[in-house]
Amino acid sequence: MYPDTYVHTGTFSADTLTARYPEPVFPPDGEALFVPVRGSGICVVRGACPQAFLQTVPAGCRVERTVYLGHRGSAPCYAVAIAAESPLPEGMDACGVRDLYGRIPEDDLAVAALAVRIVDYDRTTQYCGQCGAKMRPLMTERAKFCPACNRTVYPRLSPAVIVLVSDGERVLLARSPRFPPGMYSVIAGFVEPGENLEHAVRREVREEVGVSIQNIRYFGSEPWPFPDSLMIGFTAEYAGGDLVVDTSEIEAAEWFDRETLPPLPSTMSISRALLDRWLDGEGRCLRQ
């Protein structure tokens, strides 16, 4: 569909796990791996390379729920949700998934992000949104089932488009009021019901900065687990129009050349991958 394009393989793709159904019986009979989740972060064993996978549930912690994630090799892997008030054993810390970037292998980071996401799904789908009855997990797929009205609920996934718009030697960047001081990034937004991805890309650019684009090309995707987005990346070329900033969405937008780039997003993000690739196309390296 999109010939001659570079495909980005996202940071948070948990492809080291293989979901096997029917779901294994818990507790497992033999080797297993556990990812302790507390709130929107995980608990790790301290060290130069923190350990996110444990072979036993942390001793003394009150576990609120245990959720199957998949198999890593022959070992079933589970997320264990630890109560917020439960003290952690000596030698363990709780931290956000973002904070672990660069400190643990990316494969481990992806599974940690999935663990937080699936625990949140399990916690927020205890009751049926249609009839109010107690939901129960299906053992044949990652879903919950209402025995009262036969409704099946899957983990929510919110598709969002993200696009780098270029004009020759210039790139269009925007600033959200939520960003750290001085930081700019590429344009992004959620896909609305009834529209395809290309329409969402054109609409978001037009709404946020007022310009038209052309030559939309697929770049890659990344599951962005904060909390449940799937970021679908594109590149596009400027086709015309003056910058008109929608201040309800962003607070500034500007054209930048390669020598005057502002502070940019973390290298863990698909937005940074888009920008890195833009410079790589000219045989250059983006400054850190």
C-alpha atoms as a PDB file:
ATOM      1  CA  MET A   1       0.000   0.000   0.000  1.00  0.00           C
ATOM      2  CA  TYR A   2       2.853   2.350   0.849  1.00  0.00           C
ATOM      3  CA  PRO A   3       5.814   1.481  -1.431  1.00  0.00           C
ATOM      4  CA  ASP A   4       9.423   2.446  -0.735  1.00  0.00           C
ATOM      5  CA  THR A   5       8.816   3.367   2.894  1.00  0.00           C
ATOM      6  CA  TYR A   6      10.870   2.739   5.977  1.00  0.00           C
ATOM      7  CA  VAL A   7       9.010   0.749   8.617  1.00  0.00           C
ATOM      8  CA  HIS A   8       9.618   1.605  12.270  1.00  0.00           C
ATOM      9  CA  THR A   9       9.456  -1.293  14.734  1.00  0.00           C
ATOM     10  CA  GLY A  10       8.149   0.285  17.927  1.00  0.00           C
ATOM     11  CA  THR A  11       9.789   0.276  21.348  1.00  0.00           C
ATOM     12  CA  PHE A  12       6.747  -1.098  23.149  1.00  0.00           C
ATOM     13  CA  SER A  13       5.919  -4.079  20.936  1.00  0.00           C
ATOM     14  CA  ALA A  14       5.763  -7.084  23.267  1.00  0.00           C
ATOM     15  CA  ASP A  15       6.584  -9.625  20.589  1.00  0.00           C
ATOM     16  CA  THR A  16       8.746 -11.736  22.910  1.00  0.00           C
ATOM     17  CA  LEU A  17       5.499 -13.014  24.414  1.00  0.00           C
ATOM     18  CA  THR A  18       3.283 -15.621  22.809  1.00  0.00           C
ATOM     19  CA  ALA A  19      -0.270 -15.868  24.100  1.00  0.00           C
ATOM     20  CA  ARG A  20      -1.330 -19.507  24.407  1.00  0.00           C
ATOM     21  CA  TYR A  21      -4.955 -20.468  24.911  1.00  0.00           C
ATOM     22  CA  PRO A  22      -6.683 -21.956  26.712  1.00  0.00           C
ATOM     23  CA  GLU A  23      -5.002 -19.867  29.359  1.00  0.00           C
ATOM     24  CA  PRO A  24      -2.777 -21.912  31.707  1.00  0.00           C
ATOM     25  CA  VAL A  25      -4.151 -22.710  35.134  1.00  0.00           C
ATOM     26  CA  PHE A  26      -2.885 -20.496  37.937  1.00  0.00           C
ATOM     27  CA  PRO A  27      -0.811 -21.103  39.969  1.00  0.00           C
ATOM     28  CA  PRO A  28       1.353 -22.763  37.340  1.00  0.00           C
ATOM     29  CA  ASP A  29       2.877 -26.166  37.858  1.00  0.00           C
ATOM     30  CA  GLY A  30       6.527 -25.355  37.237  1.00  0.00           C
ATOM     31  CA  GLU A  31       8.584 -22.374  36.086  1.00  0.00           C
ATOM     32  CA  ALA A  32       6.812 -19.039  35.709  1.00  0.00           C
ATOM     33  CA  LEU A  33       7.674 -15.328  35.464  1.00  0.00           C
ATOM     34  CA  PHE A  34       5.969 -12.470  37.301  1.00  0.00           C
ATOM     35  CA  VAL A  35       5.898  -8.734  36.610  1.00  0.00           C
ATOM     36  CA  PRO A  36       4.848  -6.861  39.777  1.00  0.00           C
ATOM     37  CA  VAL A  37       2.604  -3.884  38.959  1.00  0.00           C
ATOM     38  CA  ARG A  38       1.749  -1.116  41.407  1.00  0.00           C
ATOM     39  CA  GLY A  39      -0.489   1.702  40.210  1.00  0.00           C
ATOM     40  CA  SER A  40       0.690   2.814  36.755  1.00  0.00           C
ATOM     41  CA  GLY A  41       4.226   1.548  37.274  1.00  0.00           C
ATOM     42  CA  ILE A  42       6.073  -1.650  38.044  1.00  0.00           C
ATOM     43  CA  CYS A  43       8.263  -2.899  40.864  1.00  0.00           C
ATOM     44  CA  VAL A  44      11.842  -3.881  40.070  1.00  0.00           C
ATOM     45  CA  VAL A  45      14.782  -5.388  41.886  1.00  0.00           C
ATOM     46  CA  ARG A  46      17.475  -2.747  42.287  1.00  0.00           C
ATOM     47  CA  GLY A  47      20.756  -3.052  40.447  1.00  0.00           C
ATOM     48  CA  ALA A  48      22.812  -1.671  37.585  1.00  0.00           C
ATOM     49  CA  CYS A  49      20.255  -3.345  35.330  1.00  0.00           C
ATOM     50  CA  PRO A  50      16.962  -3.458  37.291  1.00  0.00           C
ATOM     51  CA  GLN A  51      15.135  -6.766  37.175  1.00  0.00           C
ATOM     52  CA  ALA A  52      11.515  -6.501  36.052  1.00  0.00           C
ATOM     53  CA  PHE A  53      10.858 -10.258  35.856  1.00  0.00           C
ATOM     54  CA  LEU A  54      10.705 -12.283  39.039  1.00  0.00           C
ATOM     55  CA  GLN A  55      10.485 -16.031  39.517  1.00  0.00           C
ATOM     56  CA  THR A  56       8.277 -15.651  42.582  1.00  0.00           C
ATOM     57  CA  VAL A  57       5.697 -13.122  43.759  1.00  0.00           C
ATOM     58  CA  PRO A  58       7.404 -10.604  46.112  1.00  0.00           C
ATOM     59  CA  ALA A  59       7.150 -11.908  49.664  1.00  0.00           C
ATOM     60  CA  GLY A  60       4.907 -10.015  52.045  1.00  0.00           C
ATOM     61  CA  CYS A  61       3.077  -8.046  49.338  1.00  0.00           C
ATOM     62  CA  ARG A  62      -0.709  -8.018  49.146  1.00  0.00           C
ATOM     63  CA  VAL A  63      -1.632  -9.099  45.621  1.00  0.00           C
ATOM     64  CA  GLU A  64      -4.966  -7.716  44.379  1.00  0.00           C
ATOM     65  CA  ARG A  65      -5.101  -9.587  41.062  1.00  0.00           C
ATOM     66  CA  THR A  66      -3.018 -11.821  38.831  1.00  0.00           C
ATOM     67  CA  VAL A  67      -3.396 -11.648  35.046  1.00  0.00           C
ATOM     68  CA  TYR A  68      -1.902 -13.894  32.381  1.00  0.00           C
ATOM     69  CA  LEU A  69       0.206 -12.022  29.799  1.00  0.00           C
ATOM     70  CA  GLY A  70       1.561 -14.806  27.609  1.00  0.00           C
ATOM     71  CA  HIS A  71       4.457 -17.224  27.469  1.00  0.00           C
ATOM     72  CA  ARG A  72       8.091 -16.235  27.303  1.00  0.00           C
ATOM     73  CA  GLY A  73       9.679 -19.320  25.894  1.00  0.00           C
ATOM     74  CA  SER A  74       8.207 -22.197  27.889  1.00  0.00           C
ATOM     75  CA  ALA A  75       7.407 -20.101  30.960  1.00  0.00           C
ATOM     76  CA  PRO A  76       3.991 -18.497  31.489  1.00  0.00           C
ATOM     77  CA  CYS A  77       4.264 -14.824  32.365  1.00  0.00           C
ATOM     78  CA  TYR A  78       1.862 -13.056  34.726  1.00  0.00           C
ATOM     79  CA  ALA A  79       1.271  -9.491  35.847  1.00  0.00           C
ATOM     80  CA  VAL A  80       0.655  -9.333  39.592  1.00  0.00           C
ATOM     81  CA  ALA A  81      -1.044  -6.179  40.868  1.00  0.00           C
ATOM     82  CA  ILE A  82       0.325  -5.185  44.274  1.00  0.00           C
ATOM     83  CA  ALA A  83      -1.812  -3.028  46.560  1.00  0.00           C
ATOM     84  CA  ALA A  84      -0.706   0.605  46.706  1.00  0.00           C
ATOM     85  CA  GLU A  85      -0.311   0.528  50.486  1.00  0.00           C
ATOM     86  CA  SER A  86       1.610  -2.751  50.517  1.00  0.00           C
ATOM     87  CA  PRO A  87       5.290  -2.273  51.464  1.00  0.00           C
ATOM     88  CA  LEU A  88       7.877  -3.650  49.083  1.00  0.00           C
ATOM     89  CA  PRO A  89      10.574  -6.079  50.179  1.00  0.00           C
ATOM     90  CA  GLU A  90      14.069  -4.759  50.801  1.00  0.00           C
ATOM     91  CA  GLY A  91      15.923  -4.255  47.552  1.00  0.00           C
ATOM     92  CA  MET A  92      12.869  -3.420  45.430  1.00  0.00           C
ATOM     93  CA  ASP A  93      11.672  -0.078  44.054  1.00  0.00           C
ATOM     94  CA  ALA A  94       8.484   1.050  42.328  1.00  0.00           C
ATOM     95  CA  CYS A  95       8.945   3.193  39.207  1.00  0.00           C
ATOM     96  CA  GLY A  96       7.145   4.302  36.080  1.00  0.00           C
ATOM     97  CA  VAL A  97       7.568   2.452  32.810  1.00  0.00           C
ATOM     98  CA  ARG A  98       9.006   5.562  31.119  1.00  0.00           C
ATOM     99  CA  ASP A  99      11.658   5.790  33.832  1.00  0.00           C
ATOM    100  CA  LEU A 100      12.965   2.357  32.900  1.00  0.00           C
ATOM    101  CA  TYR A 101      13.778   3.309  29.314  1.00  0.00           C
ATOM    102  CA  GLY A 102      17.479   2.720  28.713  1.00  0.00           C
ATOM    103  CA  ARG A 103      17.836   0.919  32.049  1.00  0.00           C
ATOM    104  CA  ILE A 104      16.345  -2.441  31.092  1.00  0.00           C
ATOM    105  CA  PRO A 105      16.286  -4.256  27.725  1.00  0.00           C
ATOM    106  CA  GLU A 106      13.601  -2.974  25.343  1.00  0.00           C
ATOM    107  CA  ASP A 107      11.974  -6.413  25.224  1.00  0.00           C
ATOM    108  CA  ASP A 108      11.554  -6.286  29.001  1.00  0.00           C
ATOM    109  CA  LEU A 109      10.284  -2.710  28.793  1.00  0.00           C
ATOM    110  CA  ALA A 110       7.615  -3.775  26.304  1.00  0.00           C
ATOM    111  CA  VAL A 111       6.359  -6.564  28.552  1.00  0.00           C
ATOM    112  CA  ALA A 112       6.390  -4.244  31.579  1.00  0.00           C
ATOM    113  CA  ALA A 113       4.243  -1.757  29.648  1.00  0.00           C
ATOM    114  CA  LEU A 114       1.860  -4.536  28.625  1.00  0.00           C
ATOM    115  CA  ALA A 115       1.605  -5.688  32.241  1.00  0.00           C
ATOM    116  CA  VAL A 116       0.527  -2.218  33.397  1.00  0.00           C
ATOM    117  CA  ARG A 117      -1.966  -1.988  30.539  1.00  0.00           C
ATOM    118  CA  ILE A 118      -3.576  -5.393  31.138  1.00  0.00           C
ATOM    119  CA  VAL A 119      -3.810  -4.899  34.901  1.00  0.00           C
ATOM    120  CA  ASP A 120      -5.628  -1.625  34.236  1.00  0.00           C
ATOM    121  CA  TYR A 121      -7.990  -3.420  31.832  1.00  0.00           C
ATOM    122  CA  ASP A 122      -8.707  -6.124  34.398  1.00  0.00           C
ATOM    123  CA  ARG A 123      -9.325  -3.563  37.138  1.00  0.00           C
ATOM    124  CA  THR A 124     -11.695  -1.398  35.071  1.00  0.00           C
ATOM    125  CA  THR A 125     -13.815  -4.192  33.581  1.00  0.00           C
ATOM    126  CA  GLN A 126     -15.020  -5.897  36.746  1.00  0.00           C
ATOM    127  CA  TYR A 127     -18.665  -5.213  35.860  1.00  0.00           C
ATOM    128  CA  CYS A 128     -20.590  -5.187  32.605  1.00  0.00           C
ATOM    129  CA  GLY A 129     -21.173  -1.719  31.186  1.00  0.00           C
ATOM    130  CA  GLN A 130     -24.424  -2.899  29.611  1.00  0.00           C
ATOM    131  CA  CYS A 131     -26.249  -4.648  32.455  1.00  0.00           C
ATOM    132  CA  GLY A 132     -24.028  -4.214  35.513  1.00  0.00           C
ATOM    133  CA  ALA A 133     -23.455  -7.921  36.161  1.00  0.00           C
ATOM    134  CA  LYS A 134     -20.111  -9.260  37.326  1.00  0.00           C
ATOM    135  CA  MET A 135     -17.797 -10.028  34.384  1.00  0.00           C
ATOM    136  CA  ARG A 136     -15.701 -13.140  34.204  1.00  0.00           C
ATOM    137  CA  PRO A 137     -12.467 -13.704  32.251  1.00  0.00           C
ATOM    138  CA  LEU A 138     -12.519 -15.910  29.205  1.00  0.00           C
ATOM    139  CA  MET A 139      -9.858 -18.601  29.200  1.00  0.00           C
ATOM    140  CA  THR A 140      -9.779 -18.920  25.396  1.00  0.00           C
ATOM    141  CA  GLU A 141      -8.731 -15.338  24.532  1.00  0.00           C
ATOM    142  CA  ARG A 142      -7.835 -12.030  26.174  1.00  0.00           C
ATOM    143  CA  ALA A 143     -11.358 -10.861  26.894  1.00  0.00           C
ATOM    144  CA  LYS A 144     -14.080 -10.765  29.540  1.00  0.00           C
ATOM    145  CA  PHE A 145     -17.555 -12.174  29.255  1.00  0.00           C
ATOM    146  CA  CYS A 146     -20.843 -11.175  30.903  1.00  0.00           C
ATOM    147  CA  PRO A 147     -22.844 -14.313  31.757  1.00  0.00           C
ATOM    148  CA  ALA A 148     -26.013 -12.235  32.200  1.00  0.00           C
ATOM    149  CA  CYS A 149     -26.230 -10.530  28.782  1.00  0.00           C
ATOM    150  CA  ASN A 150     -23.546 -12.367  26.748  1.00  0.00           C
ATOM    151  CA  ARG A 151     -21.489  -9.217  26.172  1.00  0.00           C
ATOM    152  CA  THR A 152     -17.770  -9.711  25.448  1.00  0.00           C
ATOM    153  CA  VAL A 153     -15.308  -6.920  26.302  1.00  0.00           C
ATOM    154  CA  TYR A 154     -11.773  -6.759  24.932  1.00  0.00           C
ATOM    155  CA  PRO A 155      -8.933  -4.503  26.112  1.00  0.00           C
ATOM    156  CA  ARG A 156      -9.502  -1.009  24.801  1.00  0.00           C
ATOM    157  CA  LEU A 157      -7.209   0.173  22.010  1.00  0.00           C
ATOM    158  CA  SER A 158      -7.257   3.840  20.957  1.00  0.00           C
ATOM    159  CA  PRO A 159      -5.737   4.416  17.480  1.00  0.00           C
ATOM    160  CA  ALA A 160      -3.884   7.689  17.024  1.00  0.00           C
ATOM    161  CA  VAL A 161      -2.038   9.090  14.019  1.00  0.00           C
ATOM    162  CA  ILE A 162       1.277  10.910  14.239  1.00  0.00           C
ATOM    163  CA  VAL A 163       2.822  12.658  11.236  1.00  0.00           C
ATOM    164  CA  LEU A 164       6.037  14.415  10.331  1.00  0.00           C
ATOM    165  CA  VAL A 165       5.326  17.197   7.824  1.00  0.00           C
ATOM    166  CA  SER A 166       8.314  18.415   5.812  1.00  0.00           C
ATOM    167  CA  ASP A 167       8.848  21.130   3.242  1.00  0.00           C
ATOM    168  CA  GLY A 168      12.199  20.596   1.582  1.00  0.00           C
ATOM    169  CA  GLU A 169      14.797  21.384   4.228  1.00  0.00           C
ATOM    170  CA  ARG A 170      12.194  22.354   6.839  1.00  0.00           C
ATOM    171  CA  VAL A 171      10.112  20.323   9.258  1.00  0.00           C
ATOM    172  CA  LEU A 172       6.888  21.452  10.922  1.00  0.00           C
ATOM    173  CA  LEU A 173       6.857  21.013  14.708  1.00  0.00           C
ATOM    174  CA  ALA A 174       4.271  21.939  17.305  1.00  0.00           C
ATOM    175  CA  ARG A 175       4.336  22.506  21.027  1.00  0.00           C
ATOM    176  CA  SER A 176       1.766  21.224  23.507  1.00  0.00           C
ATOM    177  CA  PRO A 177       1.330  23.031  26.830  1.00  0.00           C
ATOM    178  CA  ARG A 178       1.936  19.650  28.478  1.00  0.00           C
ATOM    179  CA  PHE A 179       5.492  19.433  27.087  1.00  0.00           C
ATOM    180  CA  PRO A 180       8.609  20.260  29.118  1.00  0.00           C
ATOM    181  CA  PRO A 181       9.874  23.834  28.596  1.00  0.00           C
ATOM    182  CA  GLY A 182      11.040  24.489  25.047  1.00  0.00           C
ATOM    183  CA  MET A 183      10.220  21.051  23.662  1.00  0.00           C
ATOM    184  CA  TYR A 184       8.477  20.603  20.285  1.00  0.00           C
ATOM    185  CA  SER A 185       7.295  17.483  18.491  1.00  0.00           C
ATOM    186  CA  VAL A 186       5.461  16.311  15.396  1.00  0.00           C
ATOM    187  CA  ILE A 187       1.684  16.543  15.041  1.00  0.00           C
ATOM    188  CA  ALA A 188      -0.541  13.808  16.463  1.00  0.00           C
ATOM    189  CA  GLY A 189      -4.152  13.111  17.325  1.00  0.00           C
ATOM    190  CA  PHE A 190      -6.727  10.384  17.797  1.00  0.00           C
ATOM    191  CA  VAL A 191      -8.614   8.774  14.943  1.00  0.00           C
ATOM    192  CA  GLU A 192     -12.320   9.600  15.015  1.00  0.00           C
ATOM    193  CA  PRO A 193     -15.175   7.161  14.300  1.00  0.00           C
ATOM    194  CA  GLY A 194     -15.935   6.819  10.617  1.00  0.00           C
ATOM    195  CA  GLU A 195     -12.606   8.035   9.224  1.00  0.00           C
ATOM    196  CA  ASN A 196      -9.651   6.174   7.778  1.00  0.00           C
ATOM    197  CA  LEU A 197      -6.071   6.843   8.830  1.00  0.00           C
ATOM    198  CA  GLU A 198      -5.229   9.092   5.883  1.00  0.00           C
ATOM    199  CA  HIS A 199      -8.245  11.273   6.554  1.00  0.00           C
ATOM    200  CA  ALA A 200      -7.277  11.489  10.224  1.00  0.00           C
ATOM    201  CA  VAL A 201      -3.772  12.642   9.265  1.00  0.00           C
ATOM    202  CA  ARG A 202      -5.092  15.391   6.983  1.00  0.00           C
ATOM    203  CA  ARG A 203      -7.700  16.482   9.505  1.00  0.00           C
ATOM    204  CA  GLU A 204      -5.319  16.683  12.450  1.00  0.00           C
ATOM    205  CA  VAL A 205      -2.791  18.758  10.501  1.00  0.00           C
ATOM    206  CA  ARG A 206      -5.490  21.071   9.174  1.00  0.00           C
ATOM    207  CA  GLU A 207      -7.143  21.480  12.575  1.00  0.00           C
ATOM    208  CA  GLU A 208      -3.983  22.045  14.585  1.00  0.00           C
ATOM    209  CA  VAL A 209      -1.881  24.185  12.238  1.00  0.00           C
ATOM    210  CA  GLY A 210      -4.139  25.117   9.295  1.00  0.00           C
ATOM    211  CA  VAL A 211      -2.016  23.784   6.405  1.00  0.00           C
ATOM    212  CA  SER A 212      -2.635  21.209   3.667  1.00  0.00           C
ATOM    213  CA  ILE A 213      -0.437  18.172   3.094  1.00  0.00           C
ATOM    214  CA  GLN A 214       0.234  15.686   0.308  1.00  0.00           C
ATOM    215  CA  ASN A 215       2.166  12.478  -0.393  1.00  0.00           C
ATOM    216  CA  ILE A 216       1.187  10.771   2.863  1.00  0.00           C
ATOM    217  CA  ARG A 217       3.363   7.717   3.478  1.00  0.00           C
ATOM    218  CA  TYR A 218       3.222   5.076   6.193  1.00  0.00           C
ATOM    219  CA  PHE A 219       6.219   5.065   8.546  1.00  0.00           C
ATOM    220  CA  GLY A 220       5.527   2.523  11.273  1.00  0.00           C
ATOM    221  CA  SER A 221       3.529   1.926  14.422  1.00  0.00           C
ATOM    222  CA  GLU A 222       4.052   1.628  18.133  1.00  0.00           C
ATOM    223  CA  PRO A 223       1.760   0.538  20.952  1.00  0.00           C
ATOM    224  CA  TRP A 224       1.966   3.527  23.281  1.00  0.00           C
ATOM    225  CA  PRO A 225       0.776   2.200  26.661  1.00  0.00           C
ATOM    226  CA  PHE A 226      -0.023   5.533  28.343  1.00  0.00           C
ATOM    227  CA  PRO A 227      -2.601   4.209  28.770  1.00  0.00           C
ATOM    228  CA  ASP A 228      -3.896   2.422  25.638  1.00  0.00           C
ATOM    229  CA  SER A 229      -2.939   4.120  22.372  1.00  0.00           C
ATOM    230  CA  LEU A 230      -1.690   2.564  19.161  1.00  0.00           C
ATOM    231  CA  MET A 231       0.418   5.240  17.461  1.00  0.00           C
ATOM    232  CA  ILE A 232       0.388   4.932  13.656  1.00  0.00           C
ATOM    233  CA  GLY A 233       3.143   7.020  12.131  1.00  0.00           C
ATOM    234  CA  PHE A 234       3.236   8.776   8.754  1.00  0.00           C
ATOM    235  CA  THR A 235       5.332  11.240   6.818  1.00  0.00           C
ATOM    236  CA  ALA A 236       3.804  13.891   4.560  1.00  0.00           C
ATOM    237  CA  GLU A 237       4.816  16.911   2.504  1.00  0.00           C
ATOM    238  CA  TYR A 238       3.576  20.463   2.851  1.00  0.00           C
ATOM    239  CA  ALA A 239       1.061  21.346   0.112  1.00  0.00           C
ATOM    240  CA  GLY A 240       0.106  24.911   0.999  1.00  0.00           C
ATOM    241  CA  GLY A 241      -1.461  27.320   3.466  1.00  0.00           C
ATOM    242  CA  ASP A 242      -0.354  29.600   6.277  1.00  0.00           C
ATOM    243  CA  LEU A 243       0.271  28.415   9.805  1.00  0.00           C
ATOM    244  CA  VAL A 244      -2.797  29.038  11.959  1.00  0.00           C
ATOM    245  CA  VAL A 245      -2.397  27.549  15.434  1.00  0.00           C
ATOM    246  CA  ASP A 246      -5.424  26.045  17.171  1.00  0.00           C
ATOM    247  CA  THR A 247      -4.653  27.203  20.692  1.00  0.00           C
ATOM    248  CA  SER A 248      -7.196  24.809  22.179  1.00  0.00           C
ATOM    249  CA  GLU A 249      -4.906  21.955  21.080  1.00  0.00           C
ATOM    250  CA  ILE A 250      -1.377  23.384  20.971  1.00  0.00           C
ATOM    251  CA  GLU A 251       0.304  26.609  21.997  1.00  0.00           C
ATOM    252  CA  ALA A 252       2.777  27.095  19.132  1.00  0.00           C
ATOM    253  CA  ALA A 253       3.876  25.701  15.767  1.00  0.00           C
ATOM    254  CA  GLU A 254       6.904  26.626  13.683  1.00  0.00           C
ATOM    255  CA  TRP A 255       9.010  25.534  10.747  1.00  0.00           C
ATOM    256  CA  PHE A 256      12.523  24.443  11.744  1.00  0.00           C
ATOM    257  CA  ASP A 257      15.565  23.528   9.696  1.00  0.00           C
ATOM    258  CA  ARG A 258      18.139  20.928  10.677  1.00  0.00           C
ATOM    259  CA  GLU A 259      20.461  23.431  12.301  1.00  0.00           C
ATOM    260  CA  THR A 260      17.870  25.095  14.550  1.00  0.00           C
ATOM    261  CA  LEU A 261      15.901  22.206  15.992  1.00  0.00           C
ATOM    262  CA  PRO A 262      14.450  22.795  19.471  1.00  0.00           C
ATOM    263  CA  PRO A 263      14.548  20.224  22.310  1.00  0.00           C
ATOM    264  CA  LEU A 264      12.850  17.065  21.028  1.00  0.00           C
ATOM    265  CA  PRO A 265      10.995  14.083  22.524  1.00  0.00           C
ATOM    266  CA  SER A 266      12.761  11.140  24.114  1.00  0.00           C
ATOM    267  CA  THR A 267      14.357   8.526  21.875  1.00  0.00           C
ATOM    268  CA  MET A 268      11.851   6.002  23.275  1.00  0.00           C
ATOM    269  CA  SER A 269       9.018   7.564  21.230  1.00  0.00           C
ATOM    270  CA  ILE A 270       7.856   7.098  17.662  1.00  0.00           C
ATOM    271  CA  SER A 271       7.810  10.891  17.324  1.00  0.00           C
ATOM    272  CA  ARG A 272      11.578  10.928  17.843  1.00  0.00           C
ATOM    273  CA  ALA A 273      11.978   8.002  15.446  1.00  0.00           C
ATOM    274  CA  LEU A 274      10.197  10.047  12.765  1.00  0.00           C
ATOM    275  CA  LEU A 275      12.545  12.969  13.349  1.00  0.00           C
ATOM    276  CA  ASP A 276      15.648  10.773  13.433  1.00  0.00           C
ATOM    277  CA  ARG A 277      14.644   9.185  10.154  1.00  0.00           C
ATOM    278  CA  TRP A 278      14.086  12.611   8.593  1.00  0.00           C
ATOM    279  CA  LEU A 279      17.697  13.519   9.327  1.00  0.00           C
ATOM    280  CA  ASP A 280      19.041  10.073   8.421  1.00  0.00           C
ATOM    281  CA  GLY A 281      17.568  10.574   4.961  1.00  0.00           C
ATOM    282  CA  GLU A 282      20.174  13.295   4.452  1.00  0.00           C
ATOM    283  CA  GLY A 283      23.004  11.135   5.808  1.00  0.00           C
ATOM    284  CA  ARG A 284      23.174  13.057   9.095  1.00  0.00           C
ATOM    285  CA  CYS A 285      22.773  12.140  12.742  1.00  0.00           C
ATOM    286  CA  LEU A 286      20.425  13.917  15.108  1.00  0.00           C
ATOM    287  CA  ARG A 287      22.154  15.416  18.119  1.00  0.00           C
ATOM    288  CA  GLN A 288      21.327  13.781  21.451  1.00  0.00           C
END
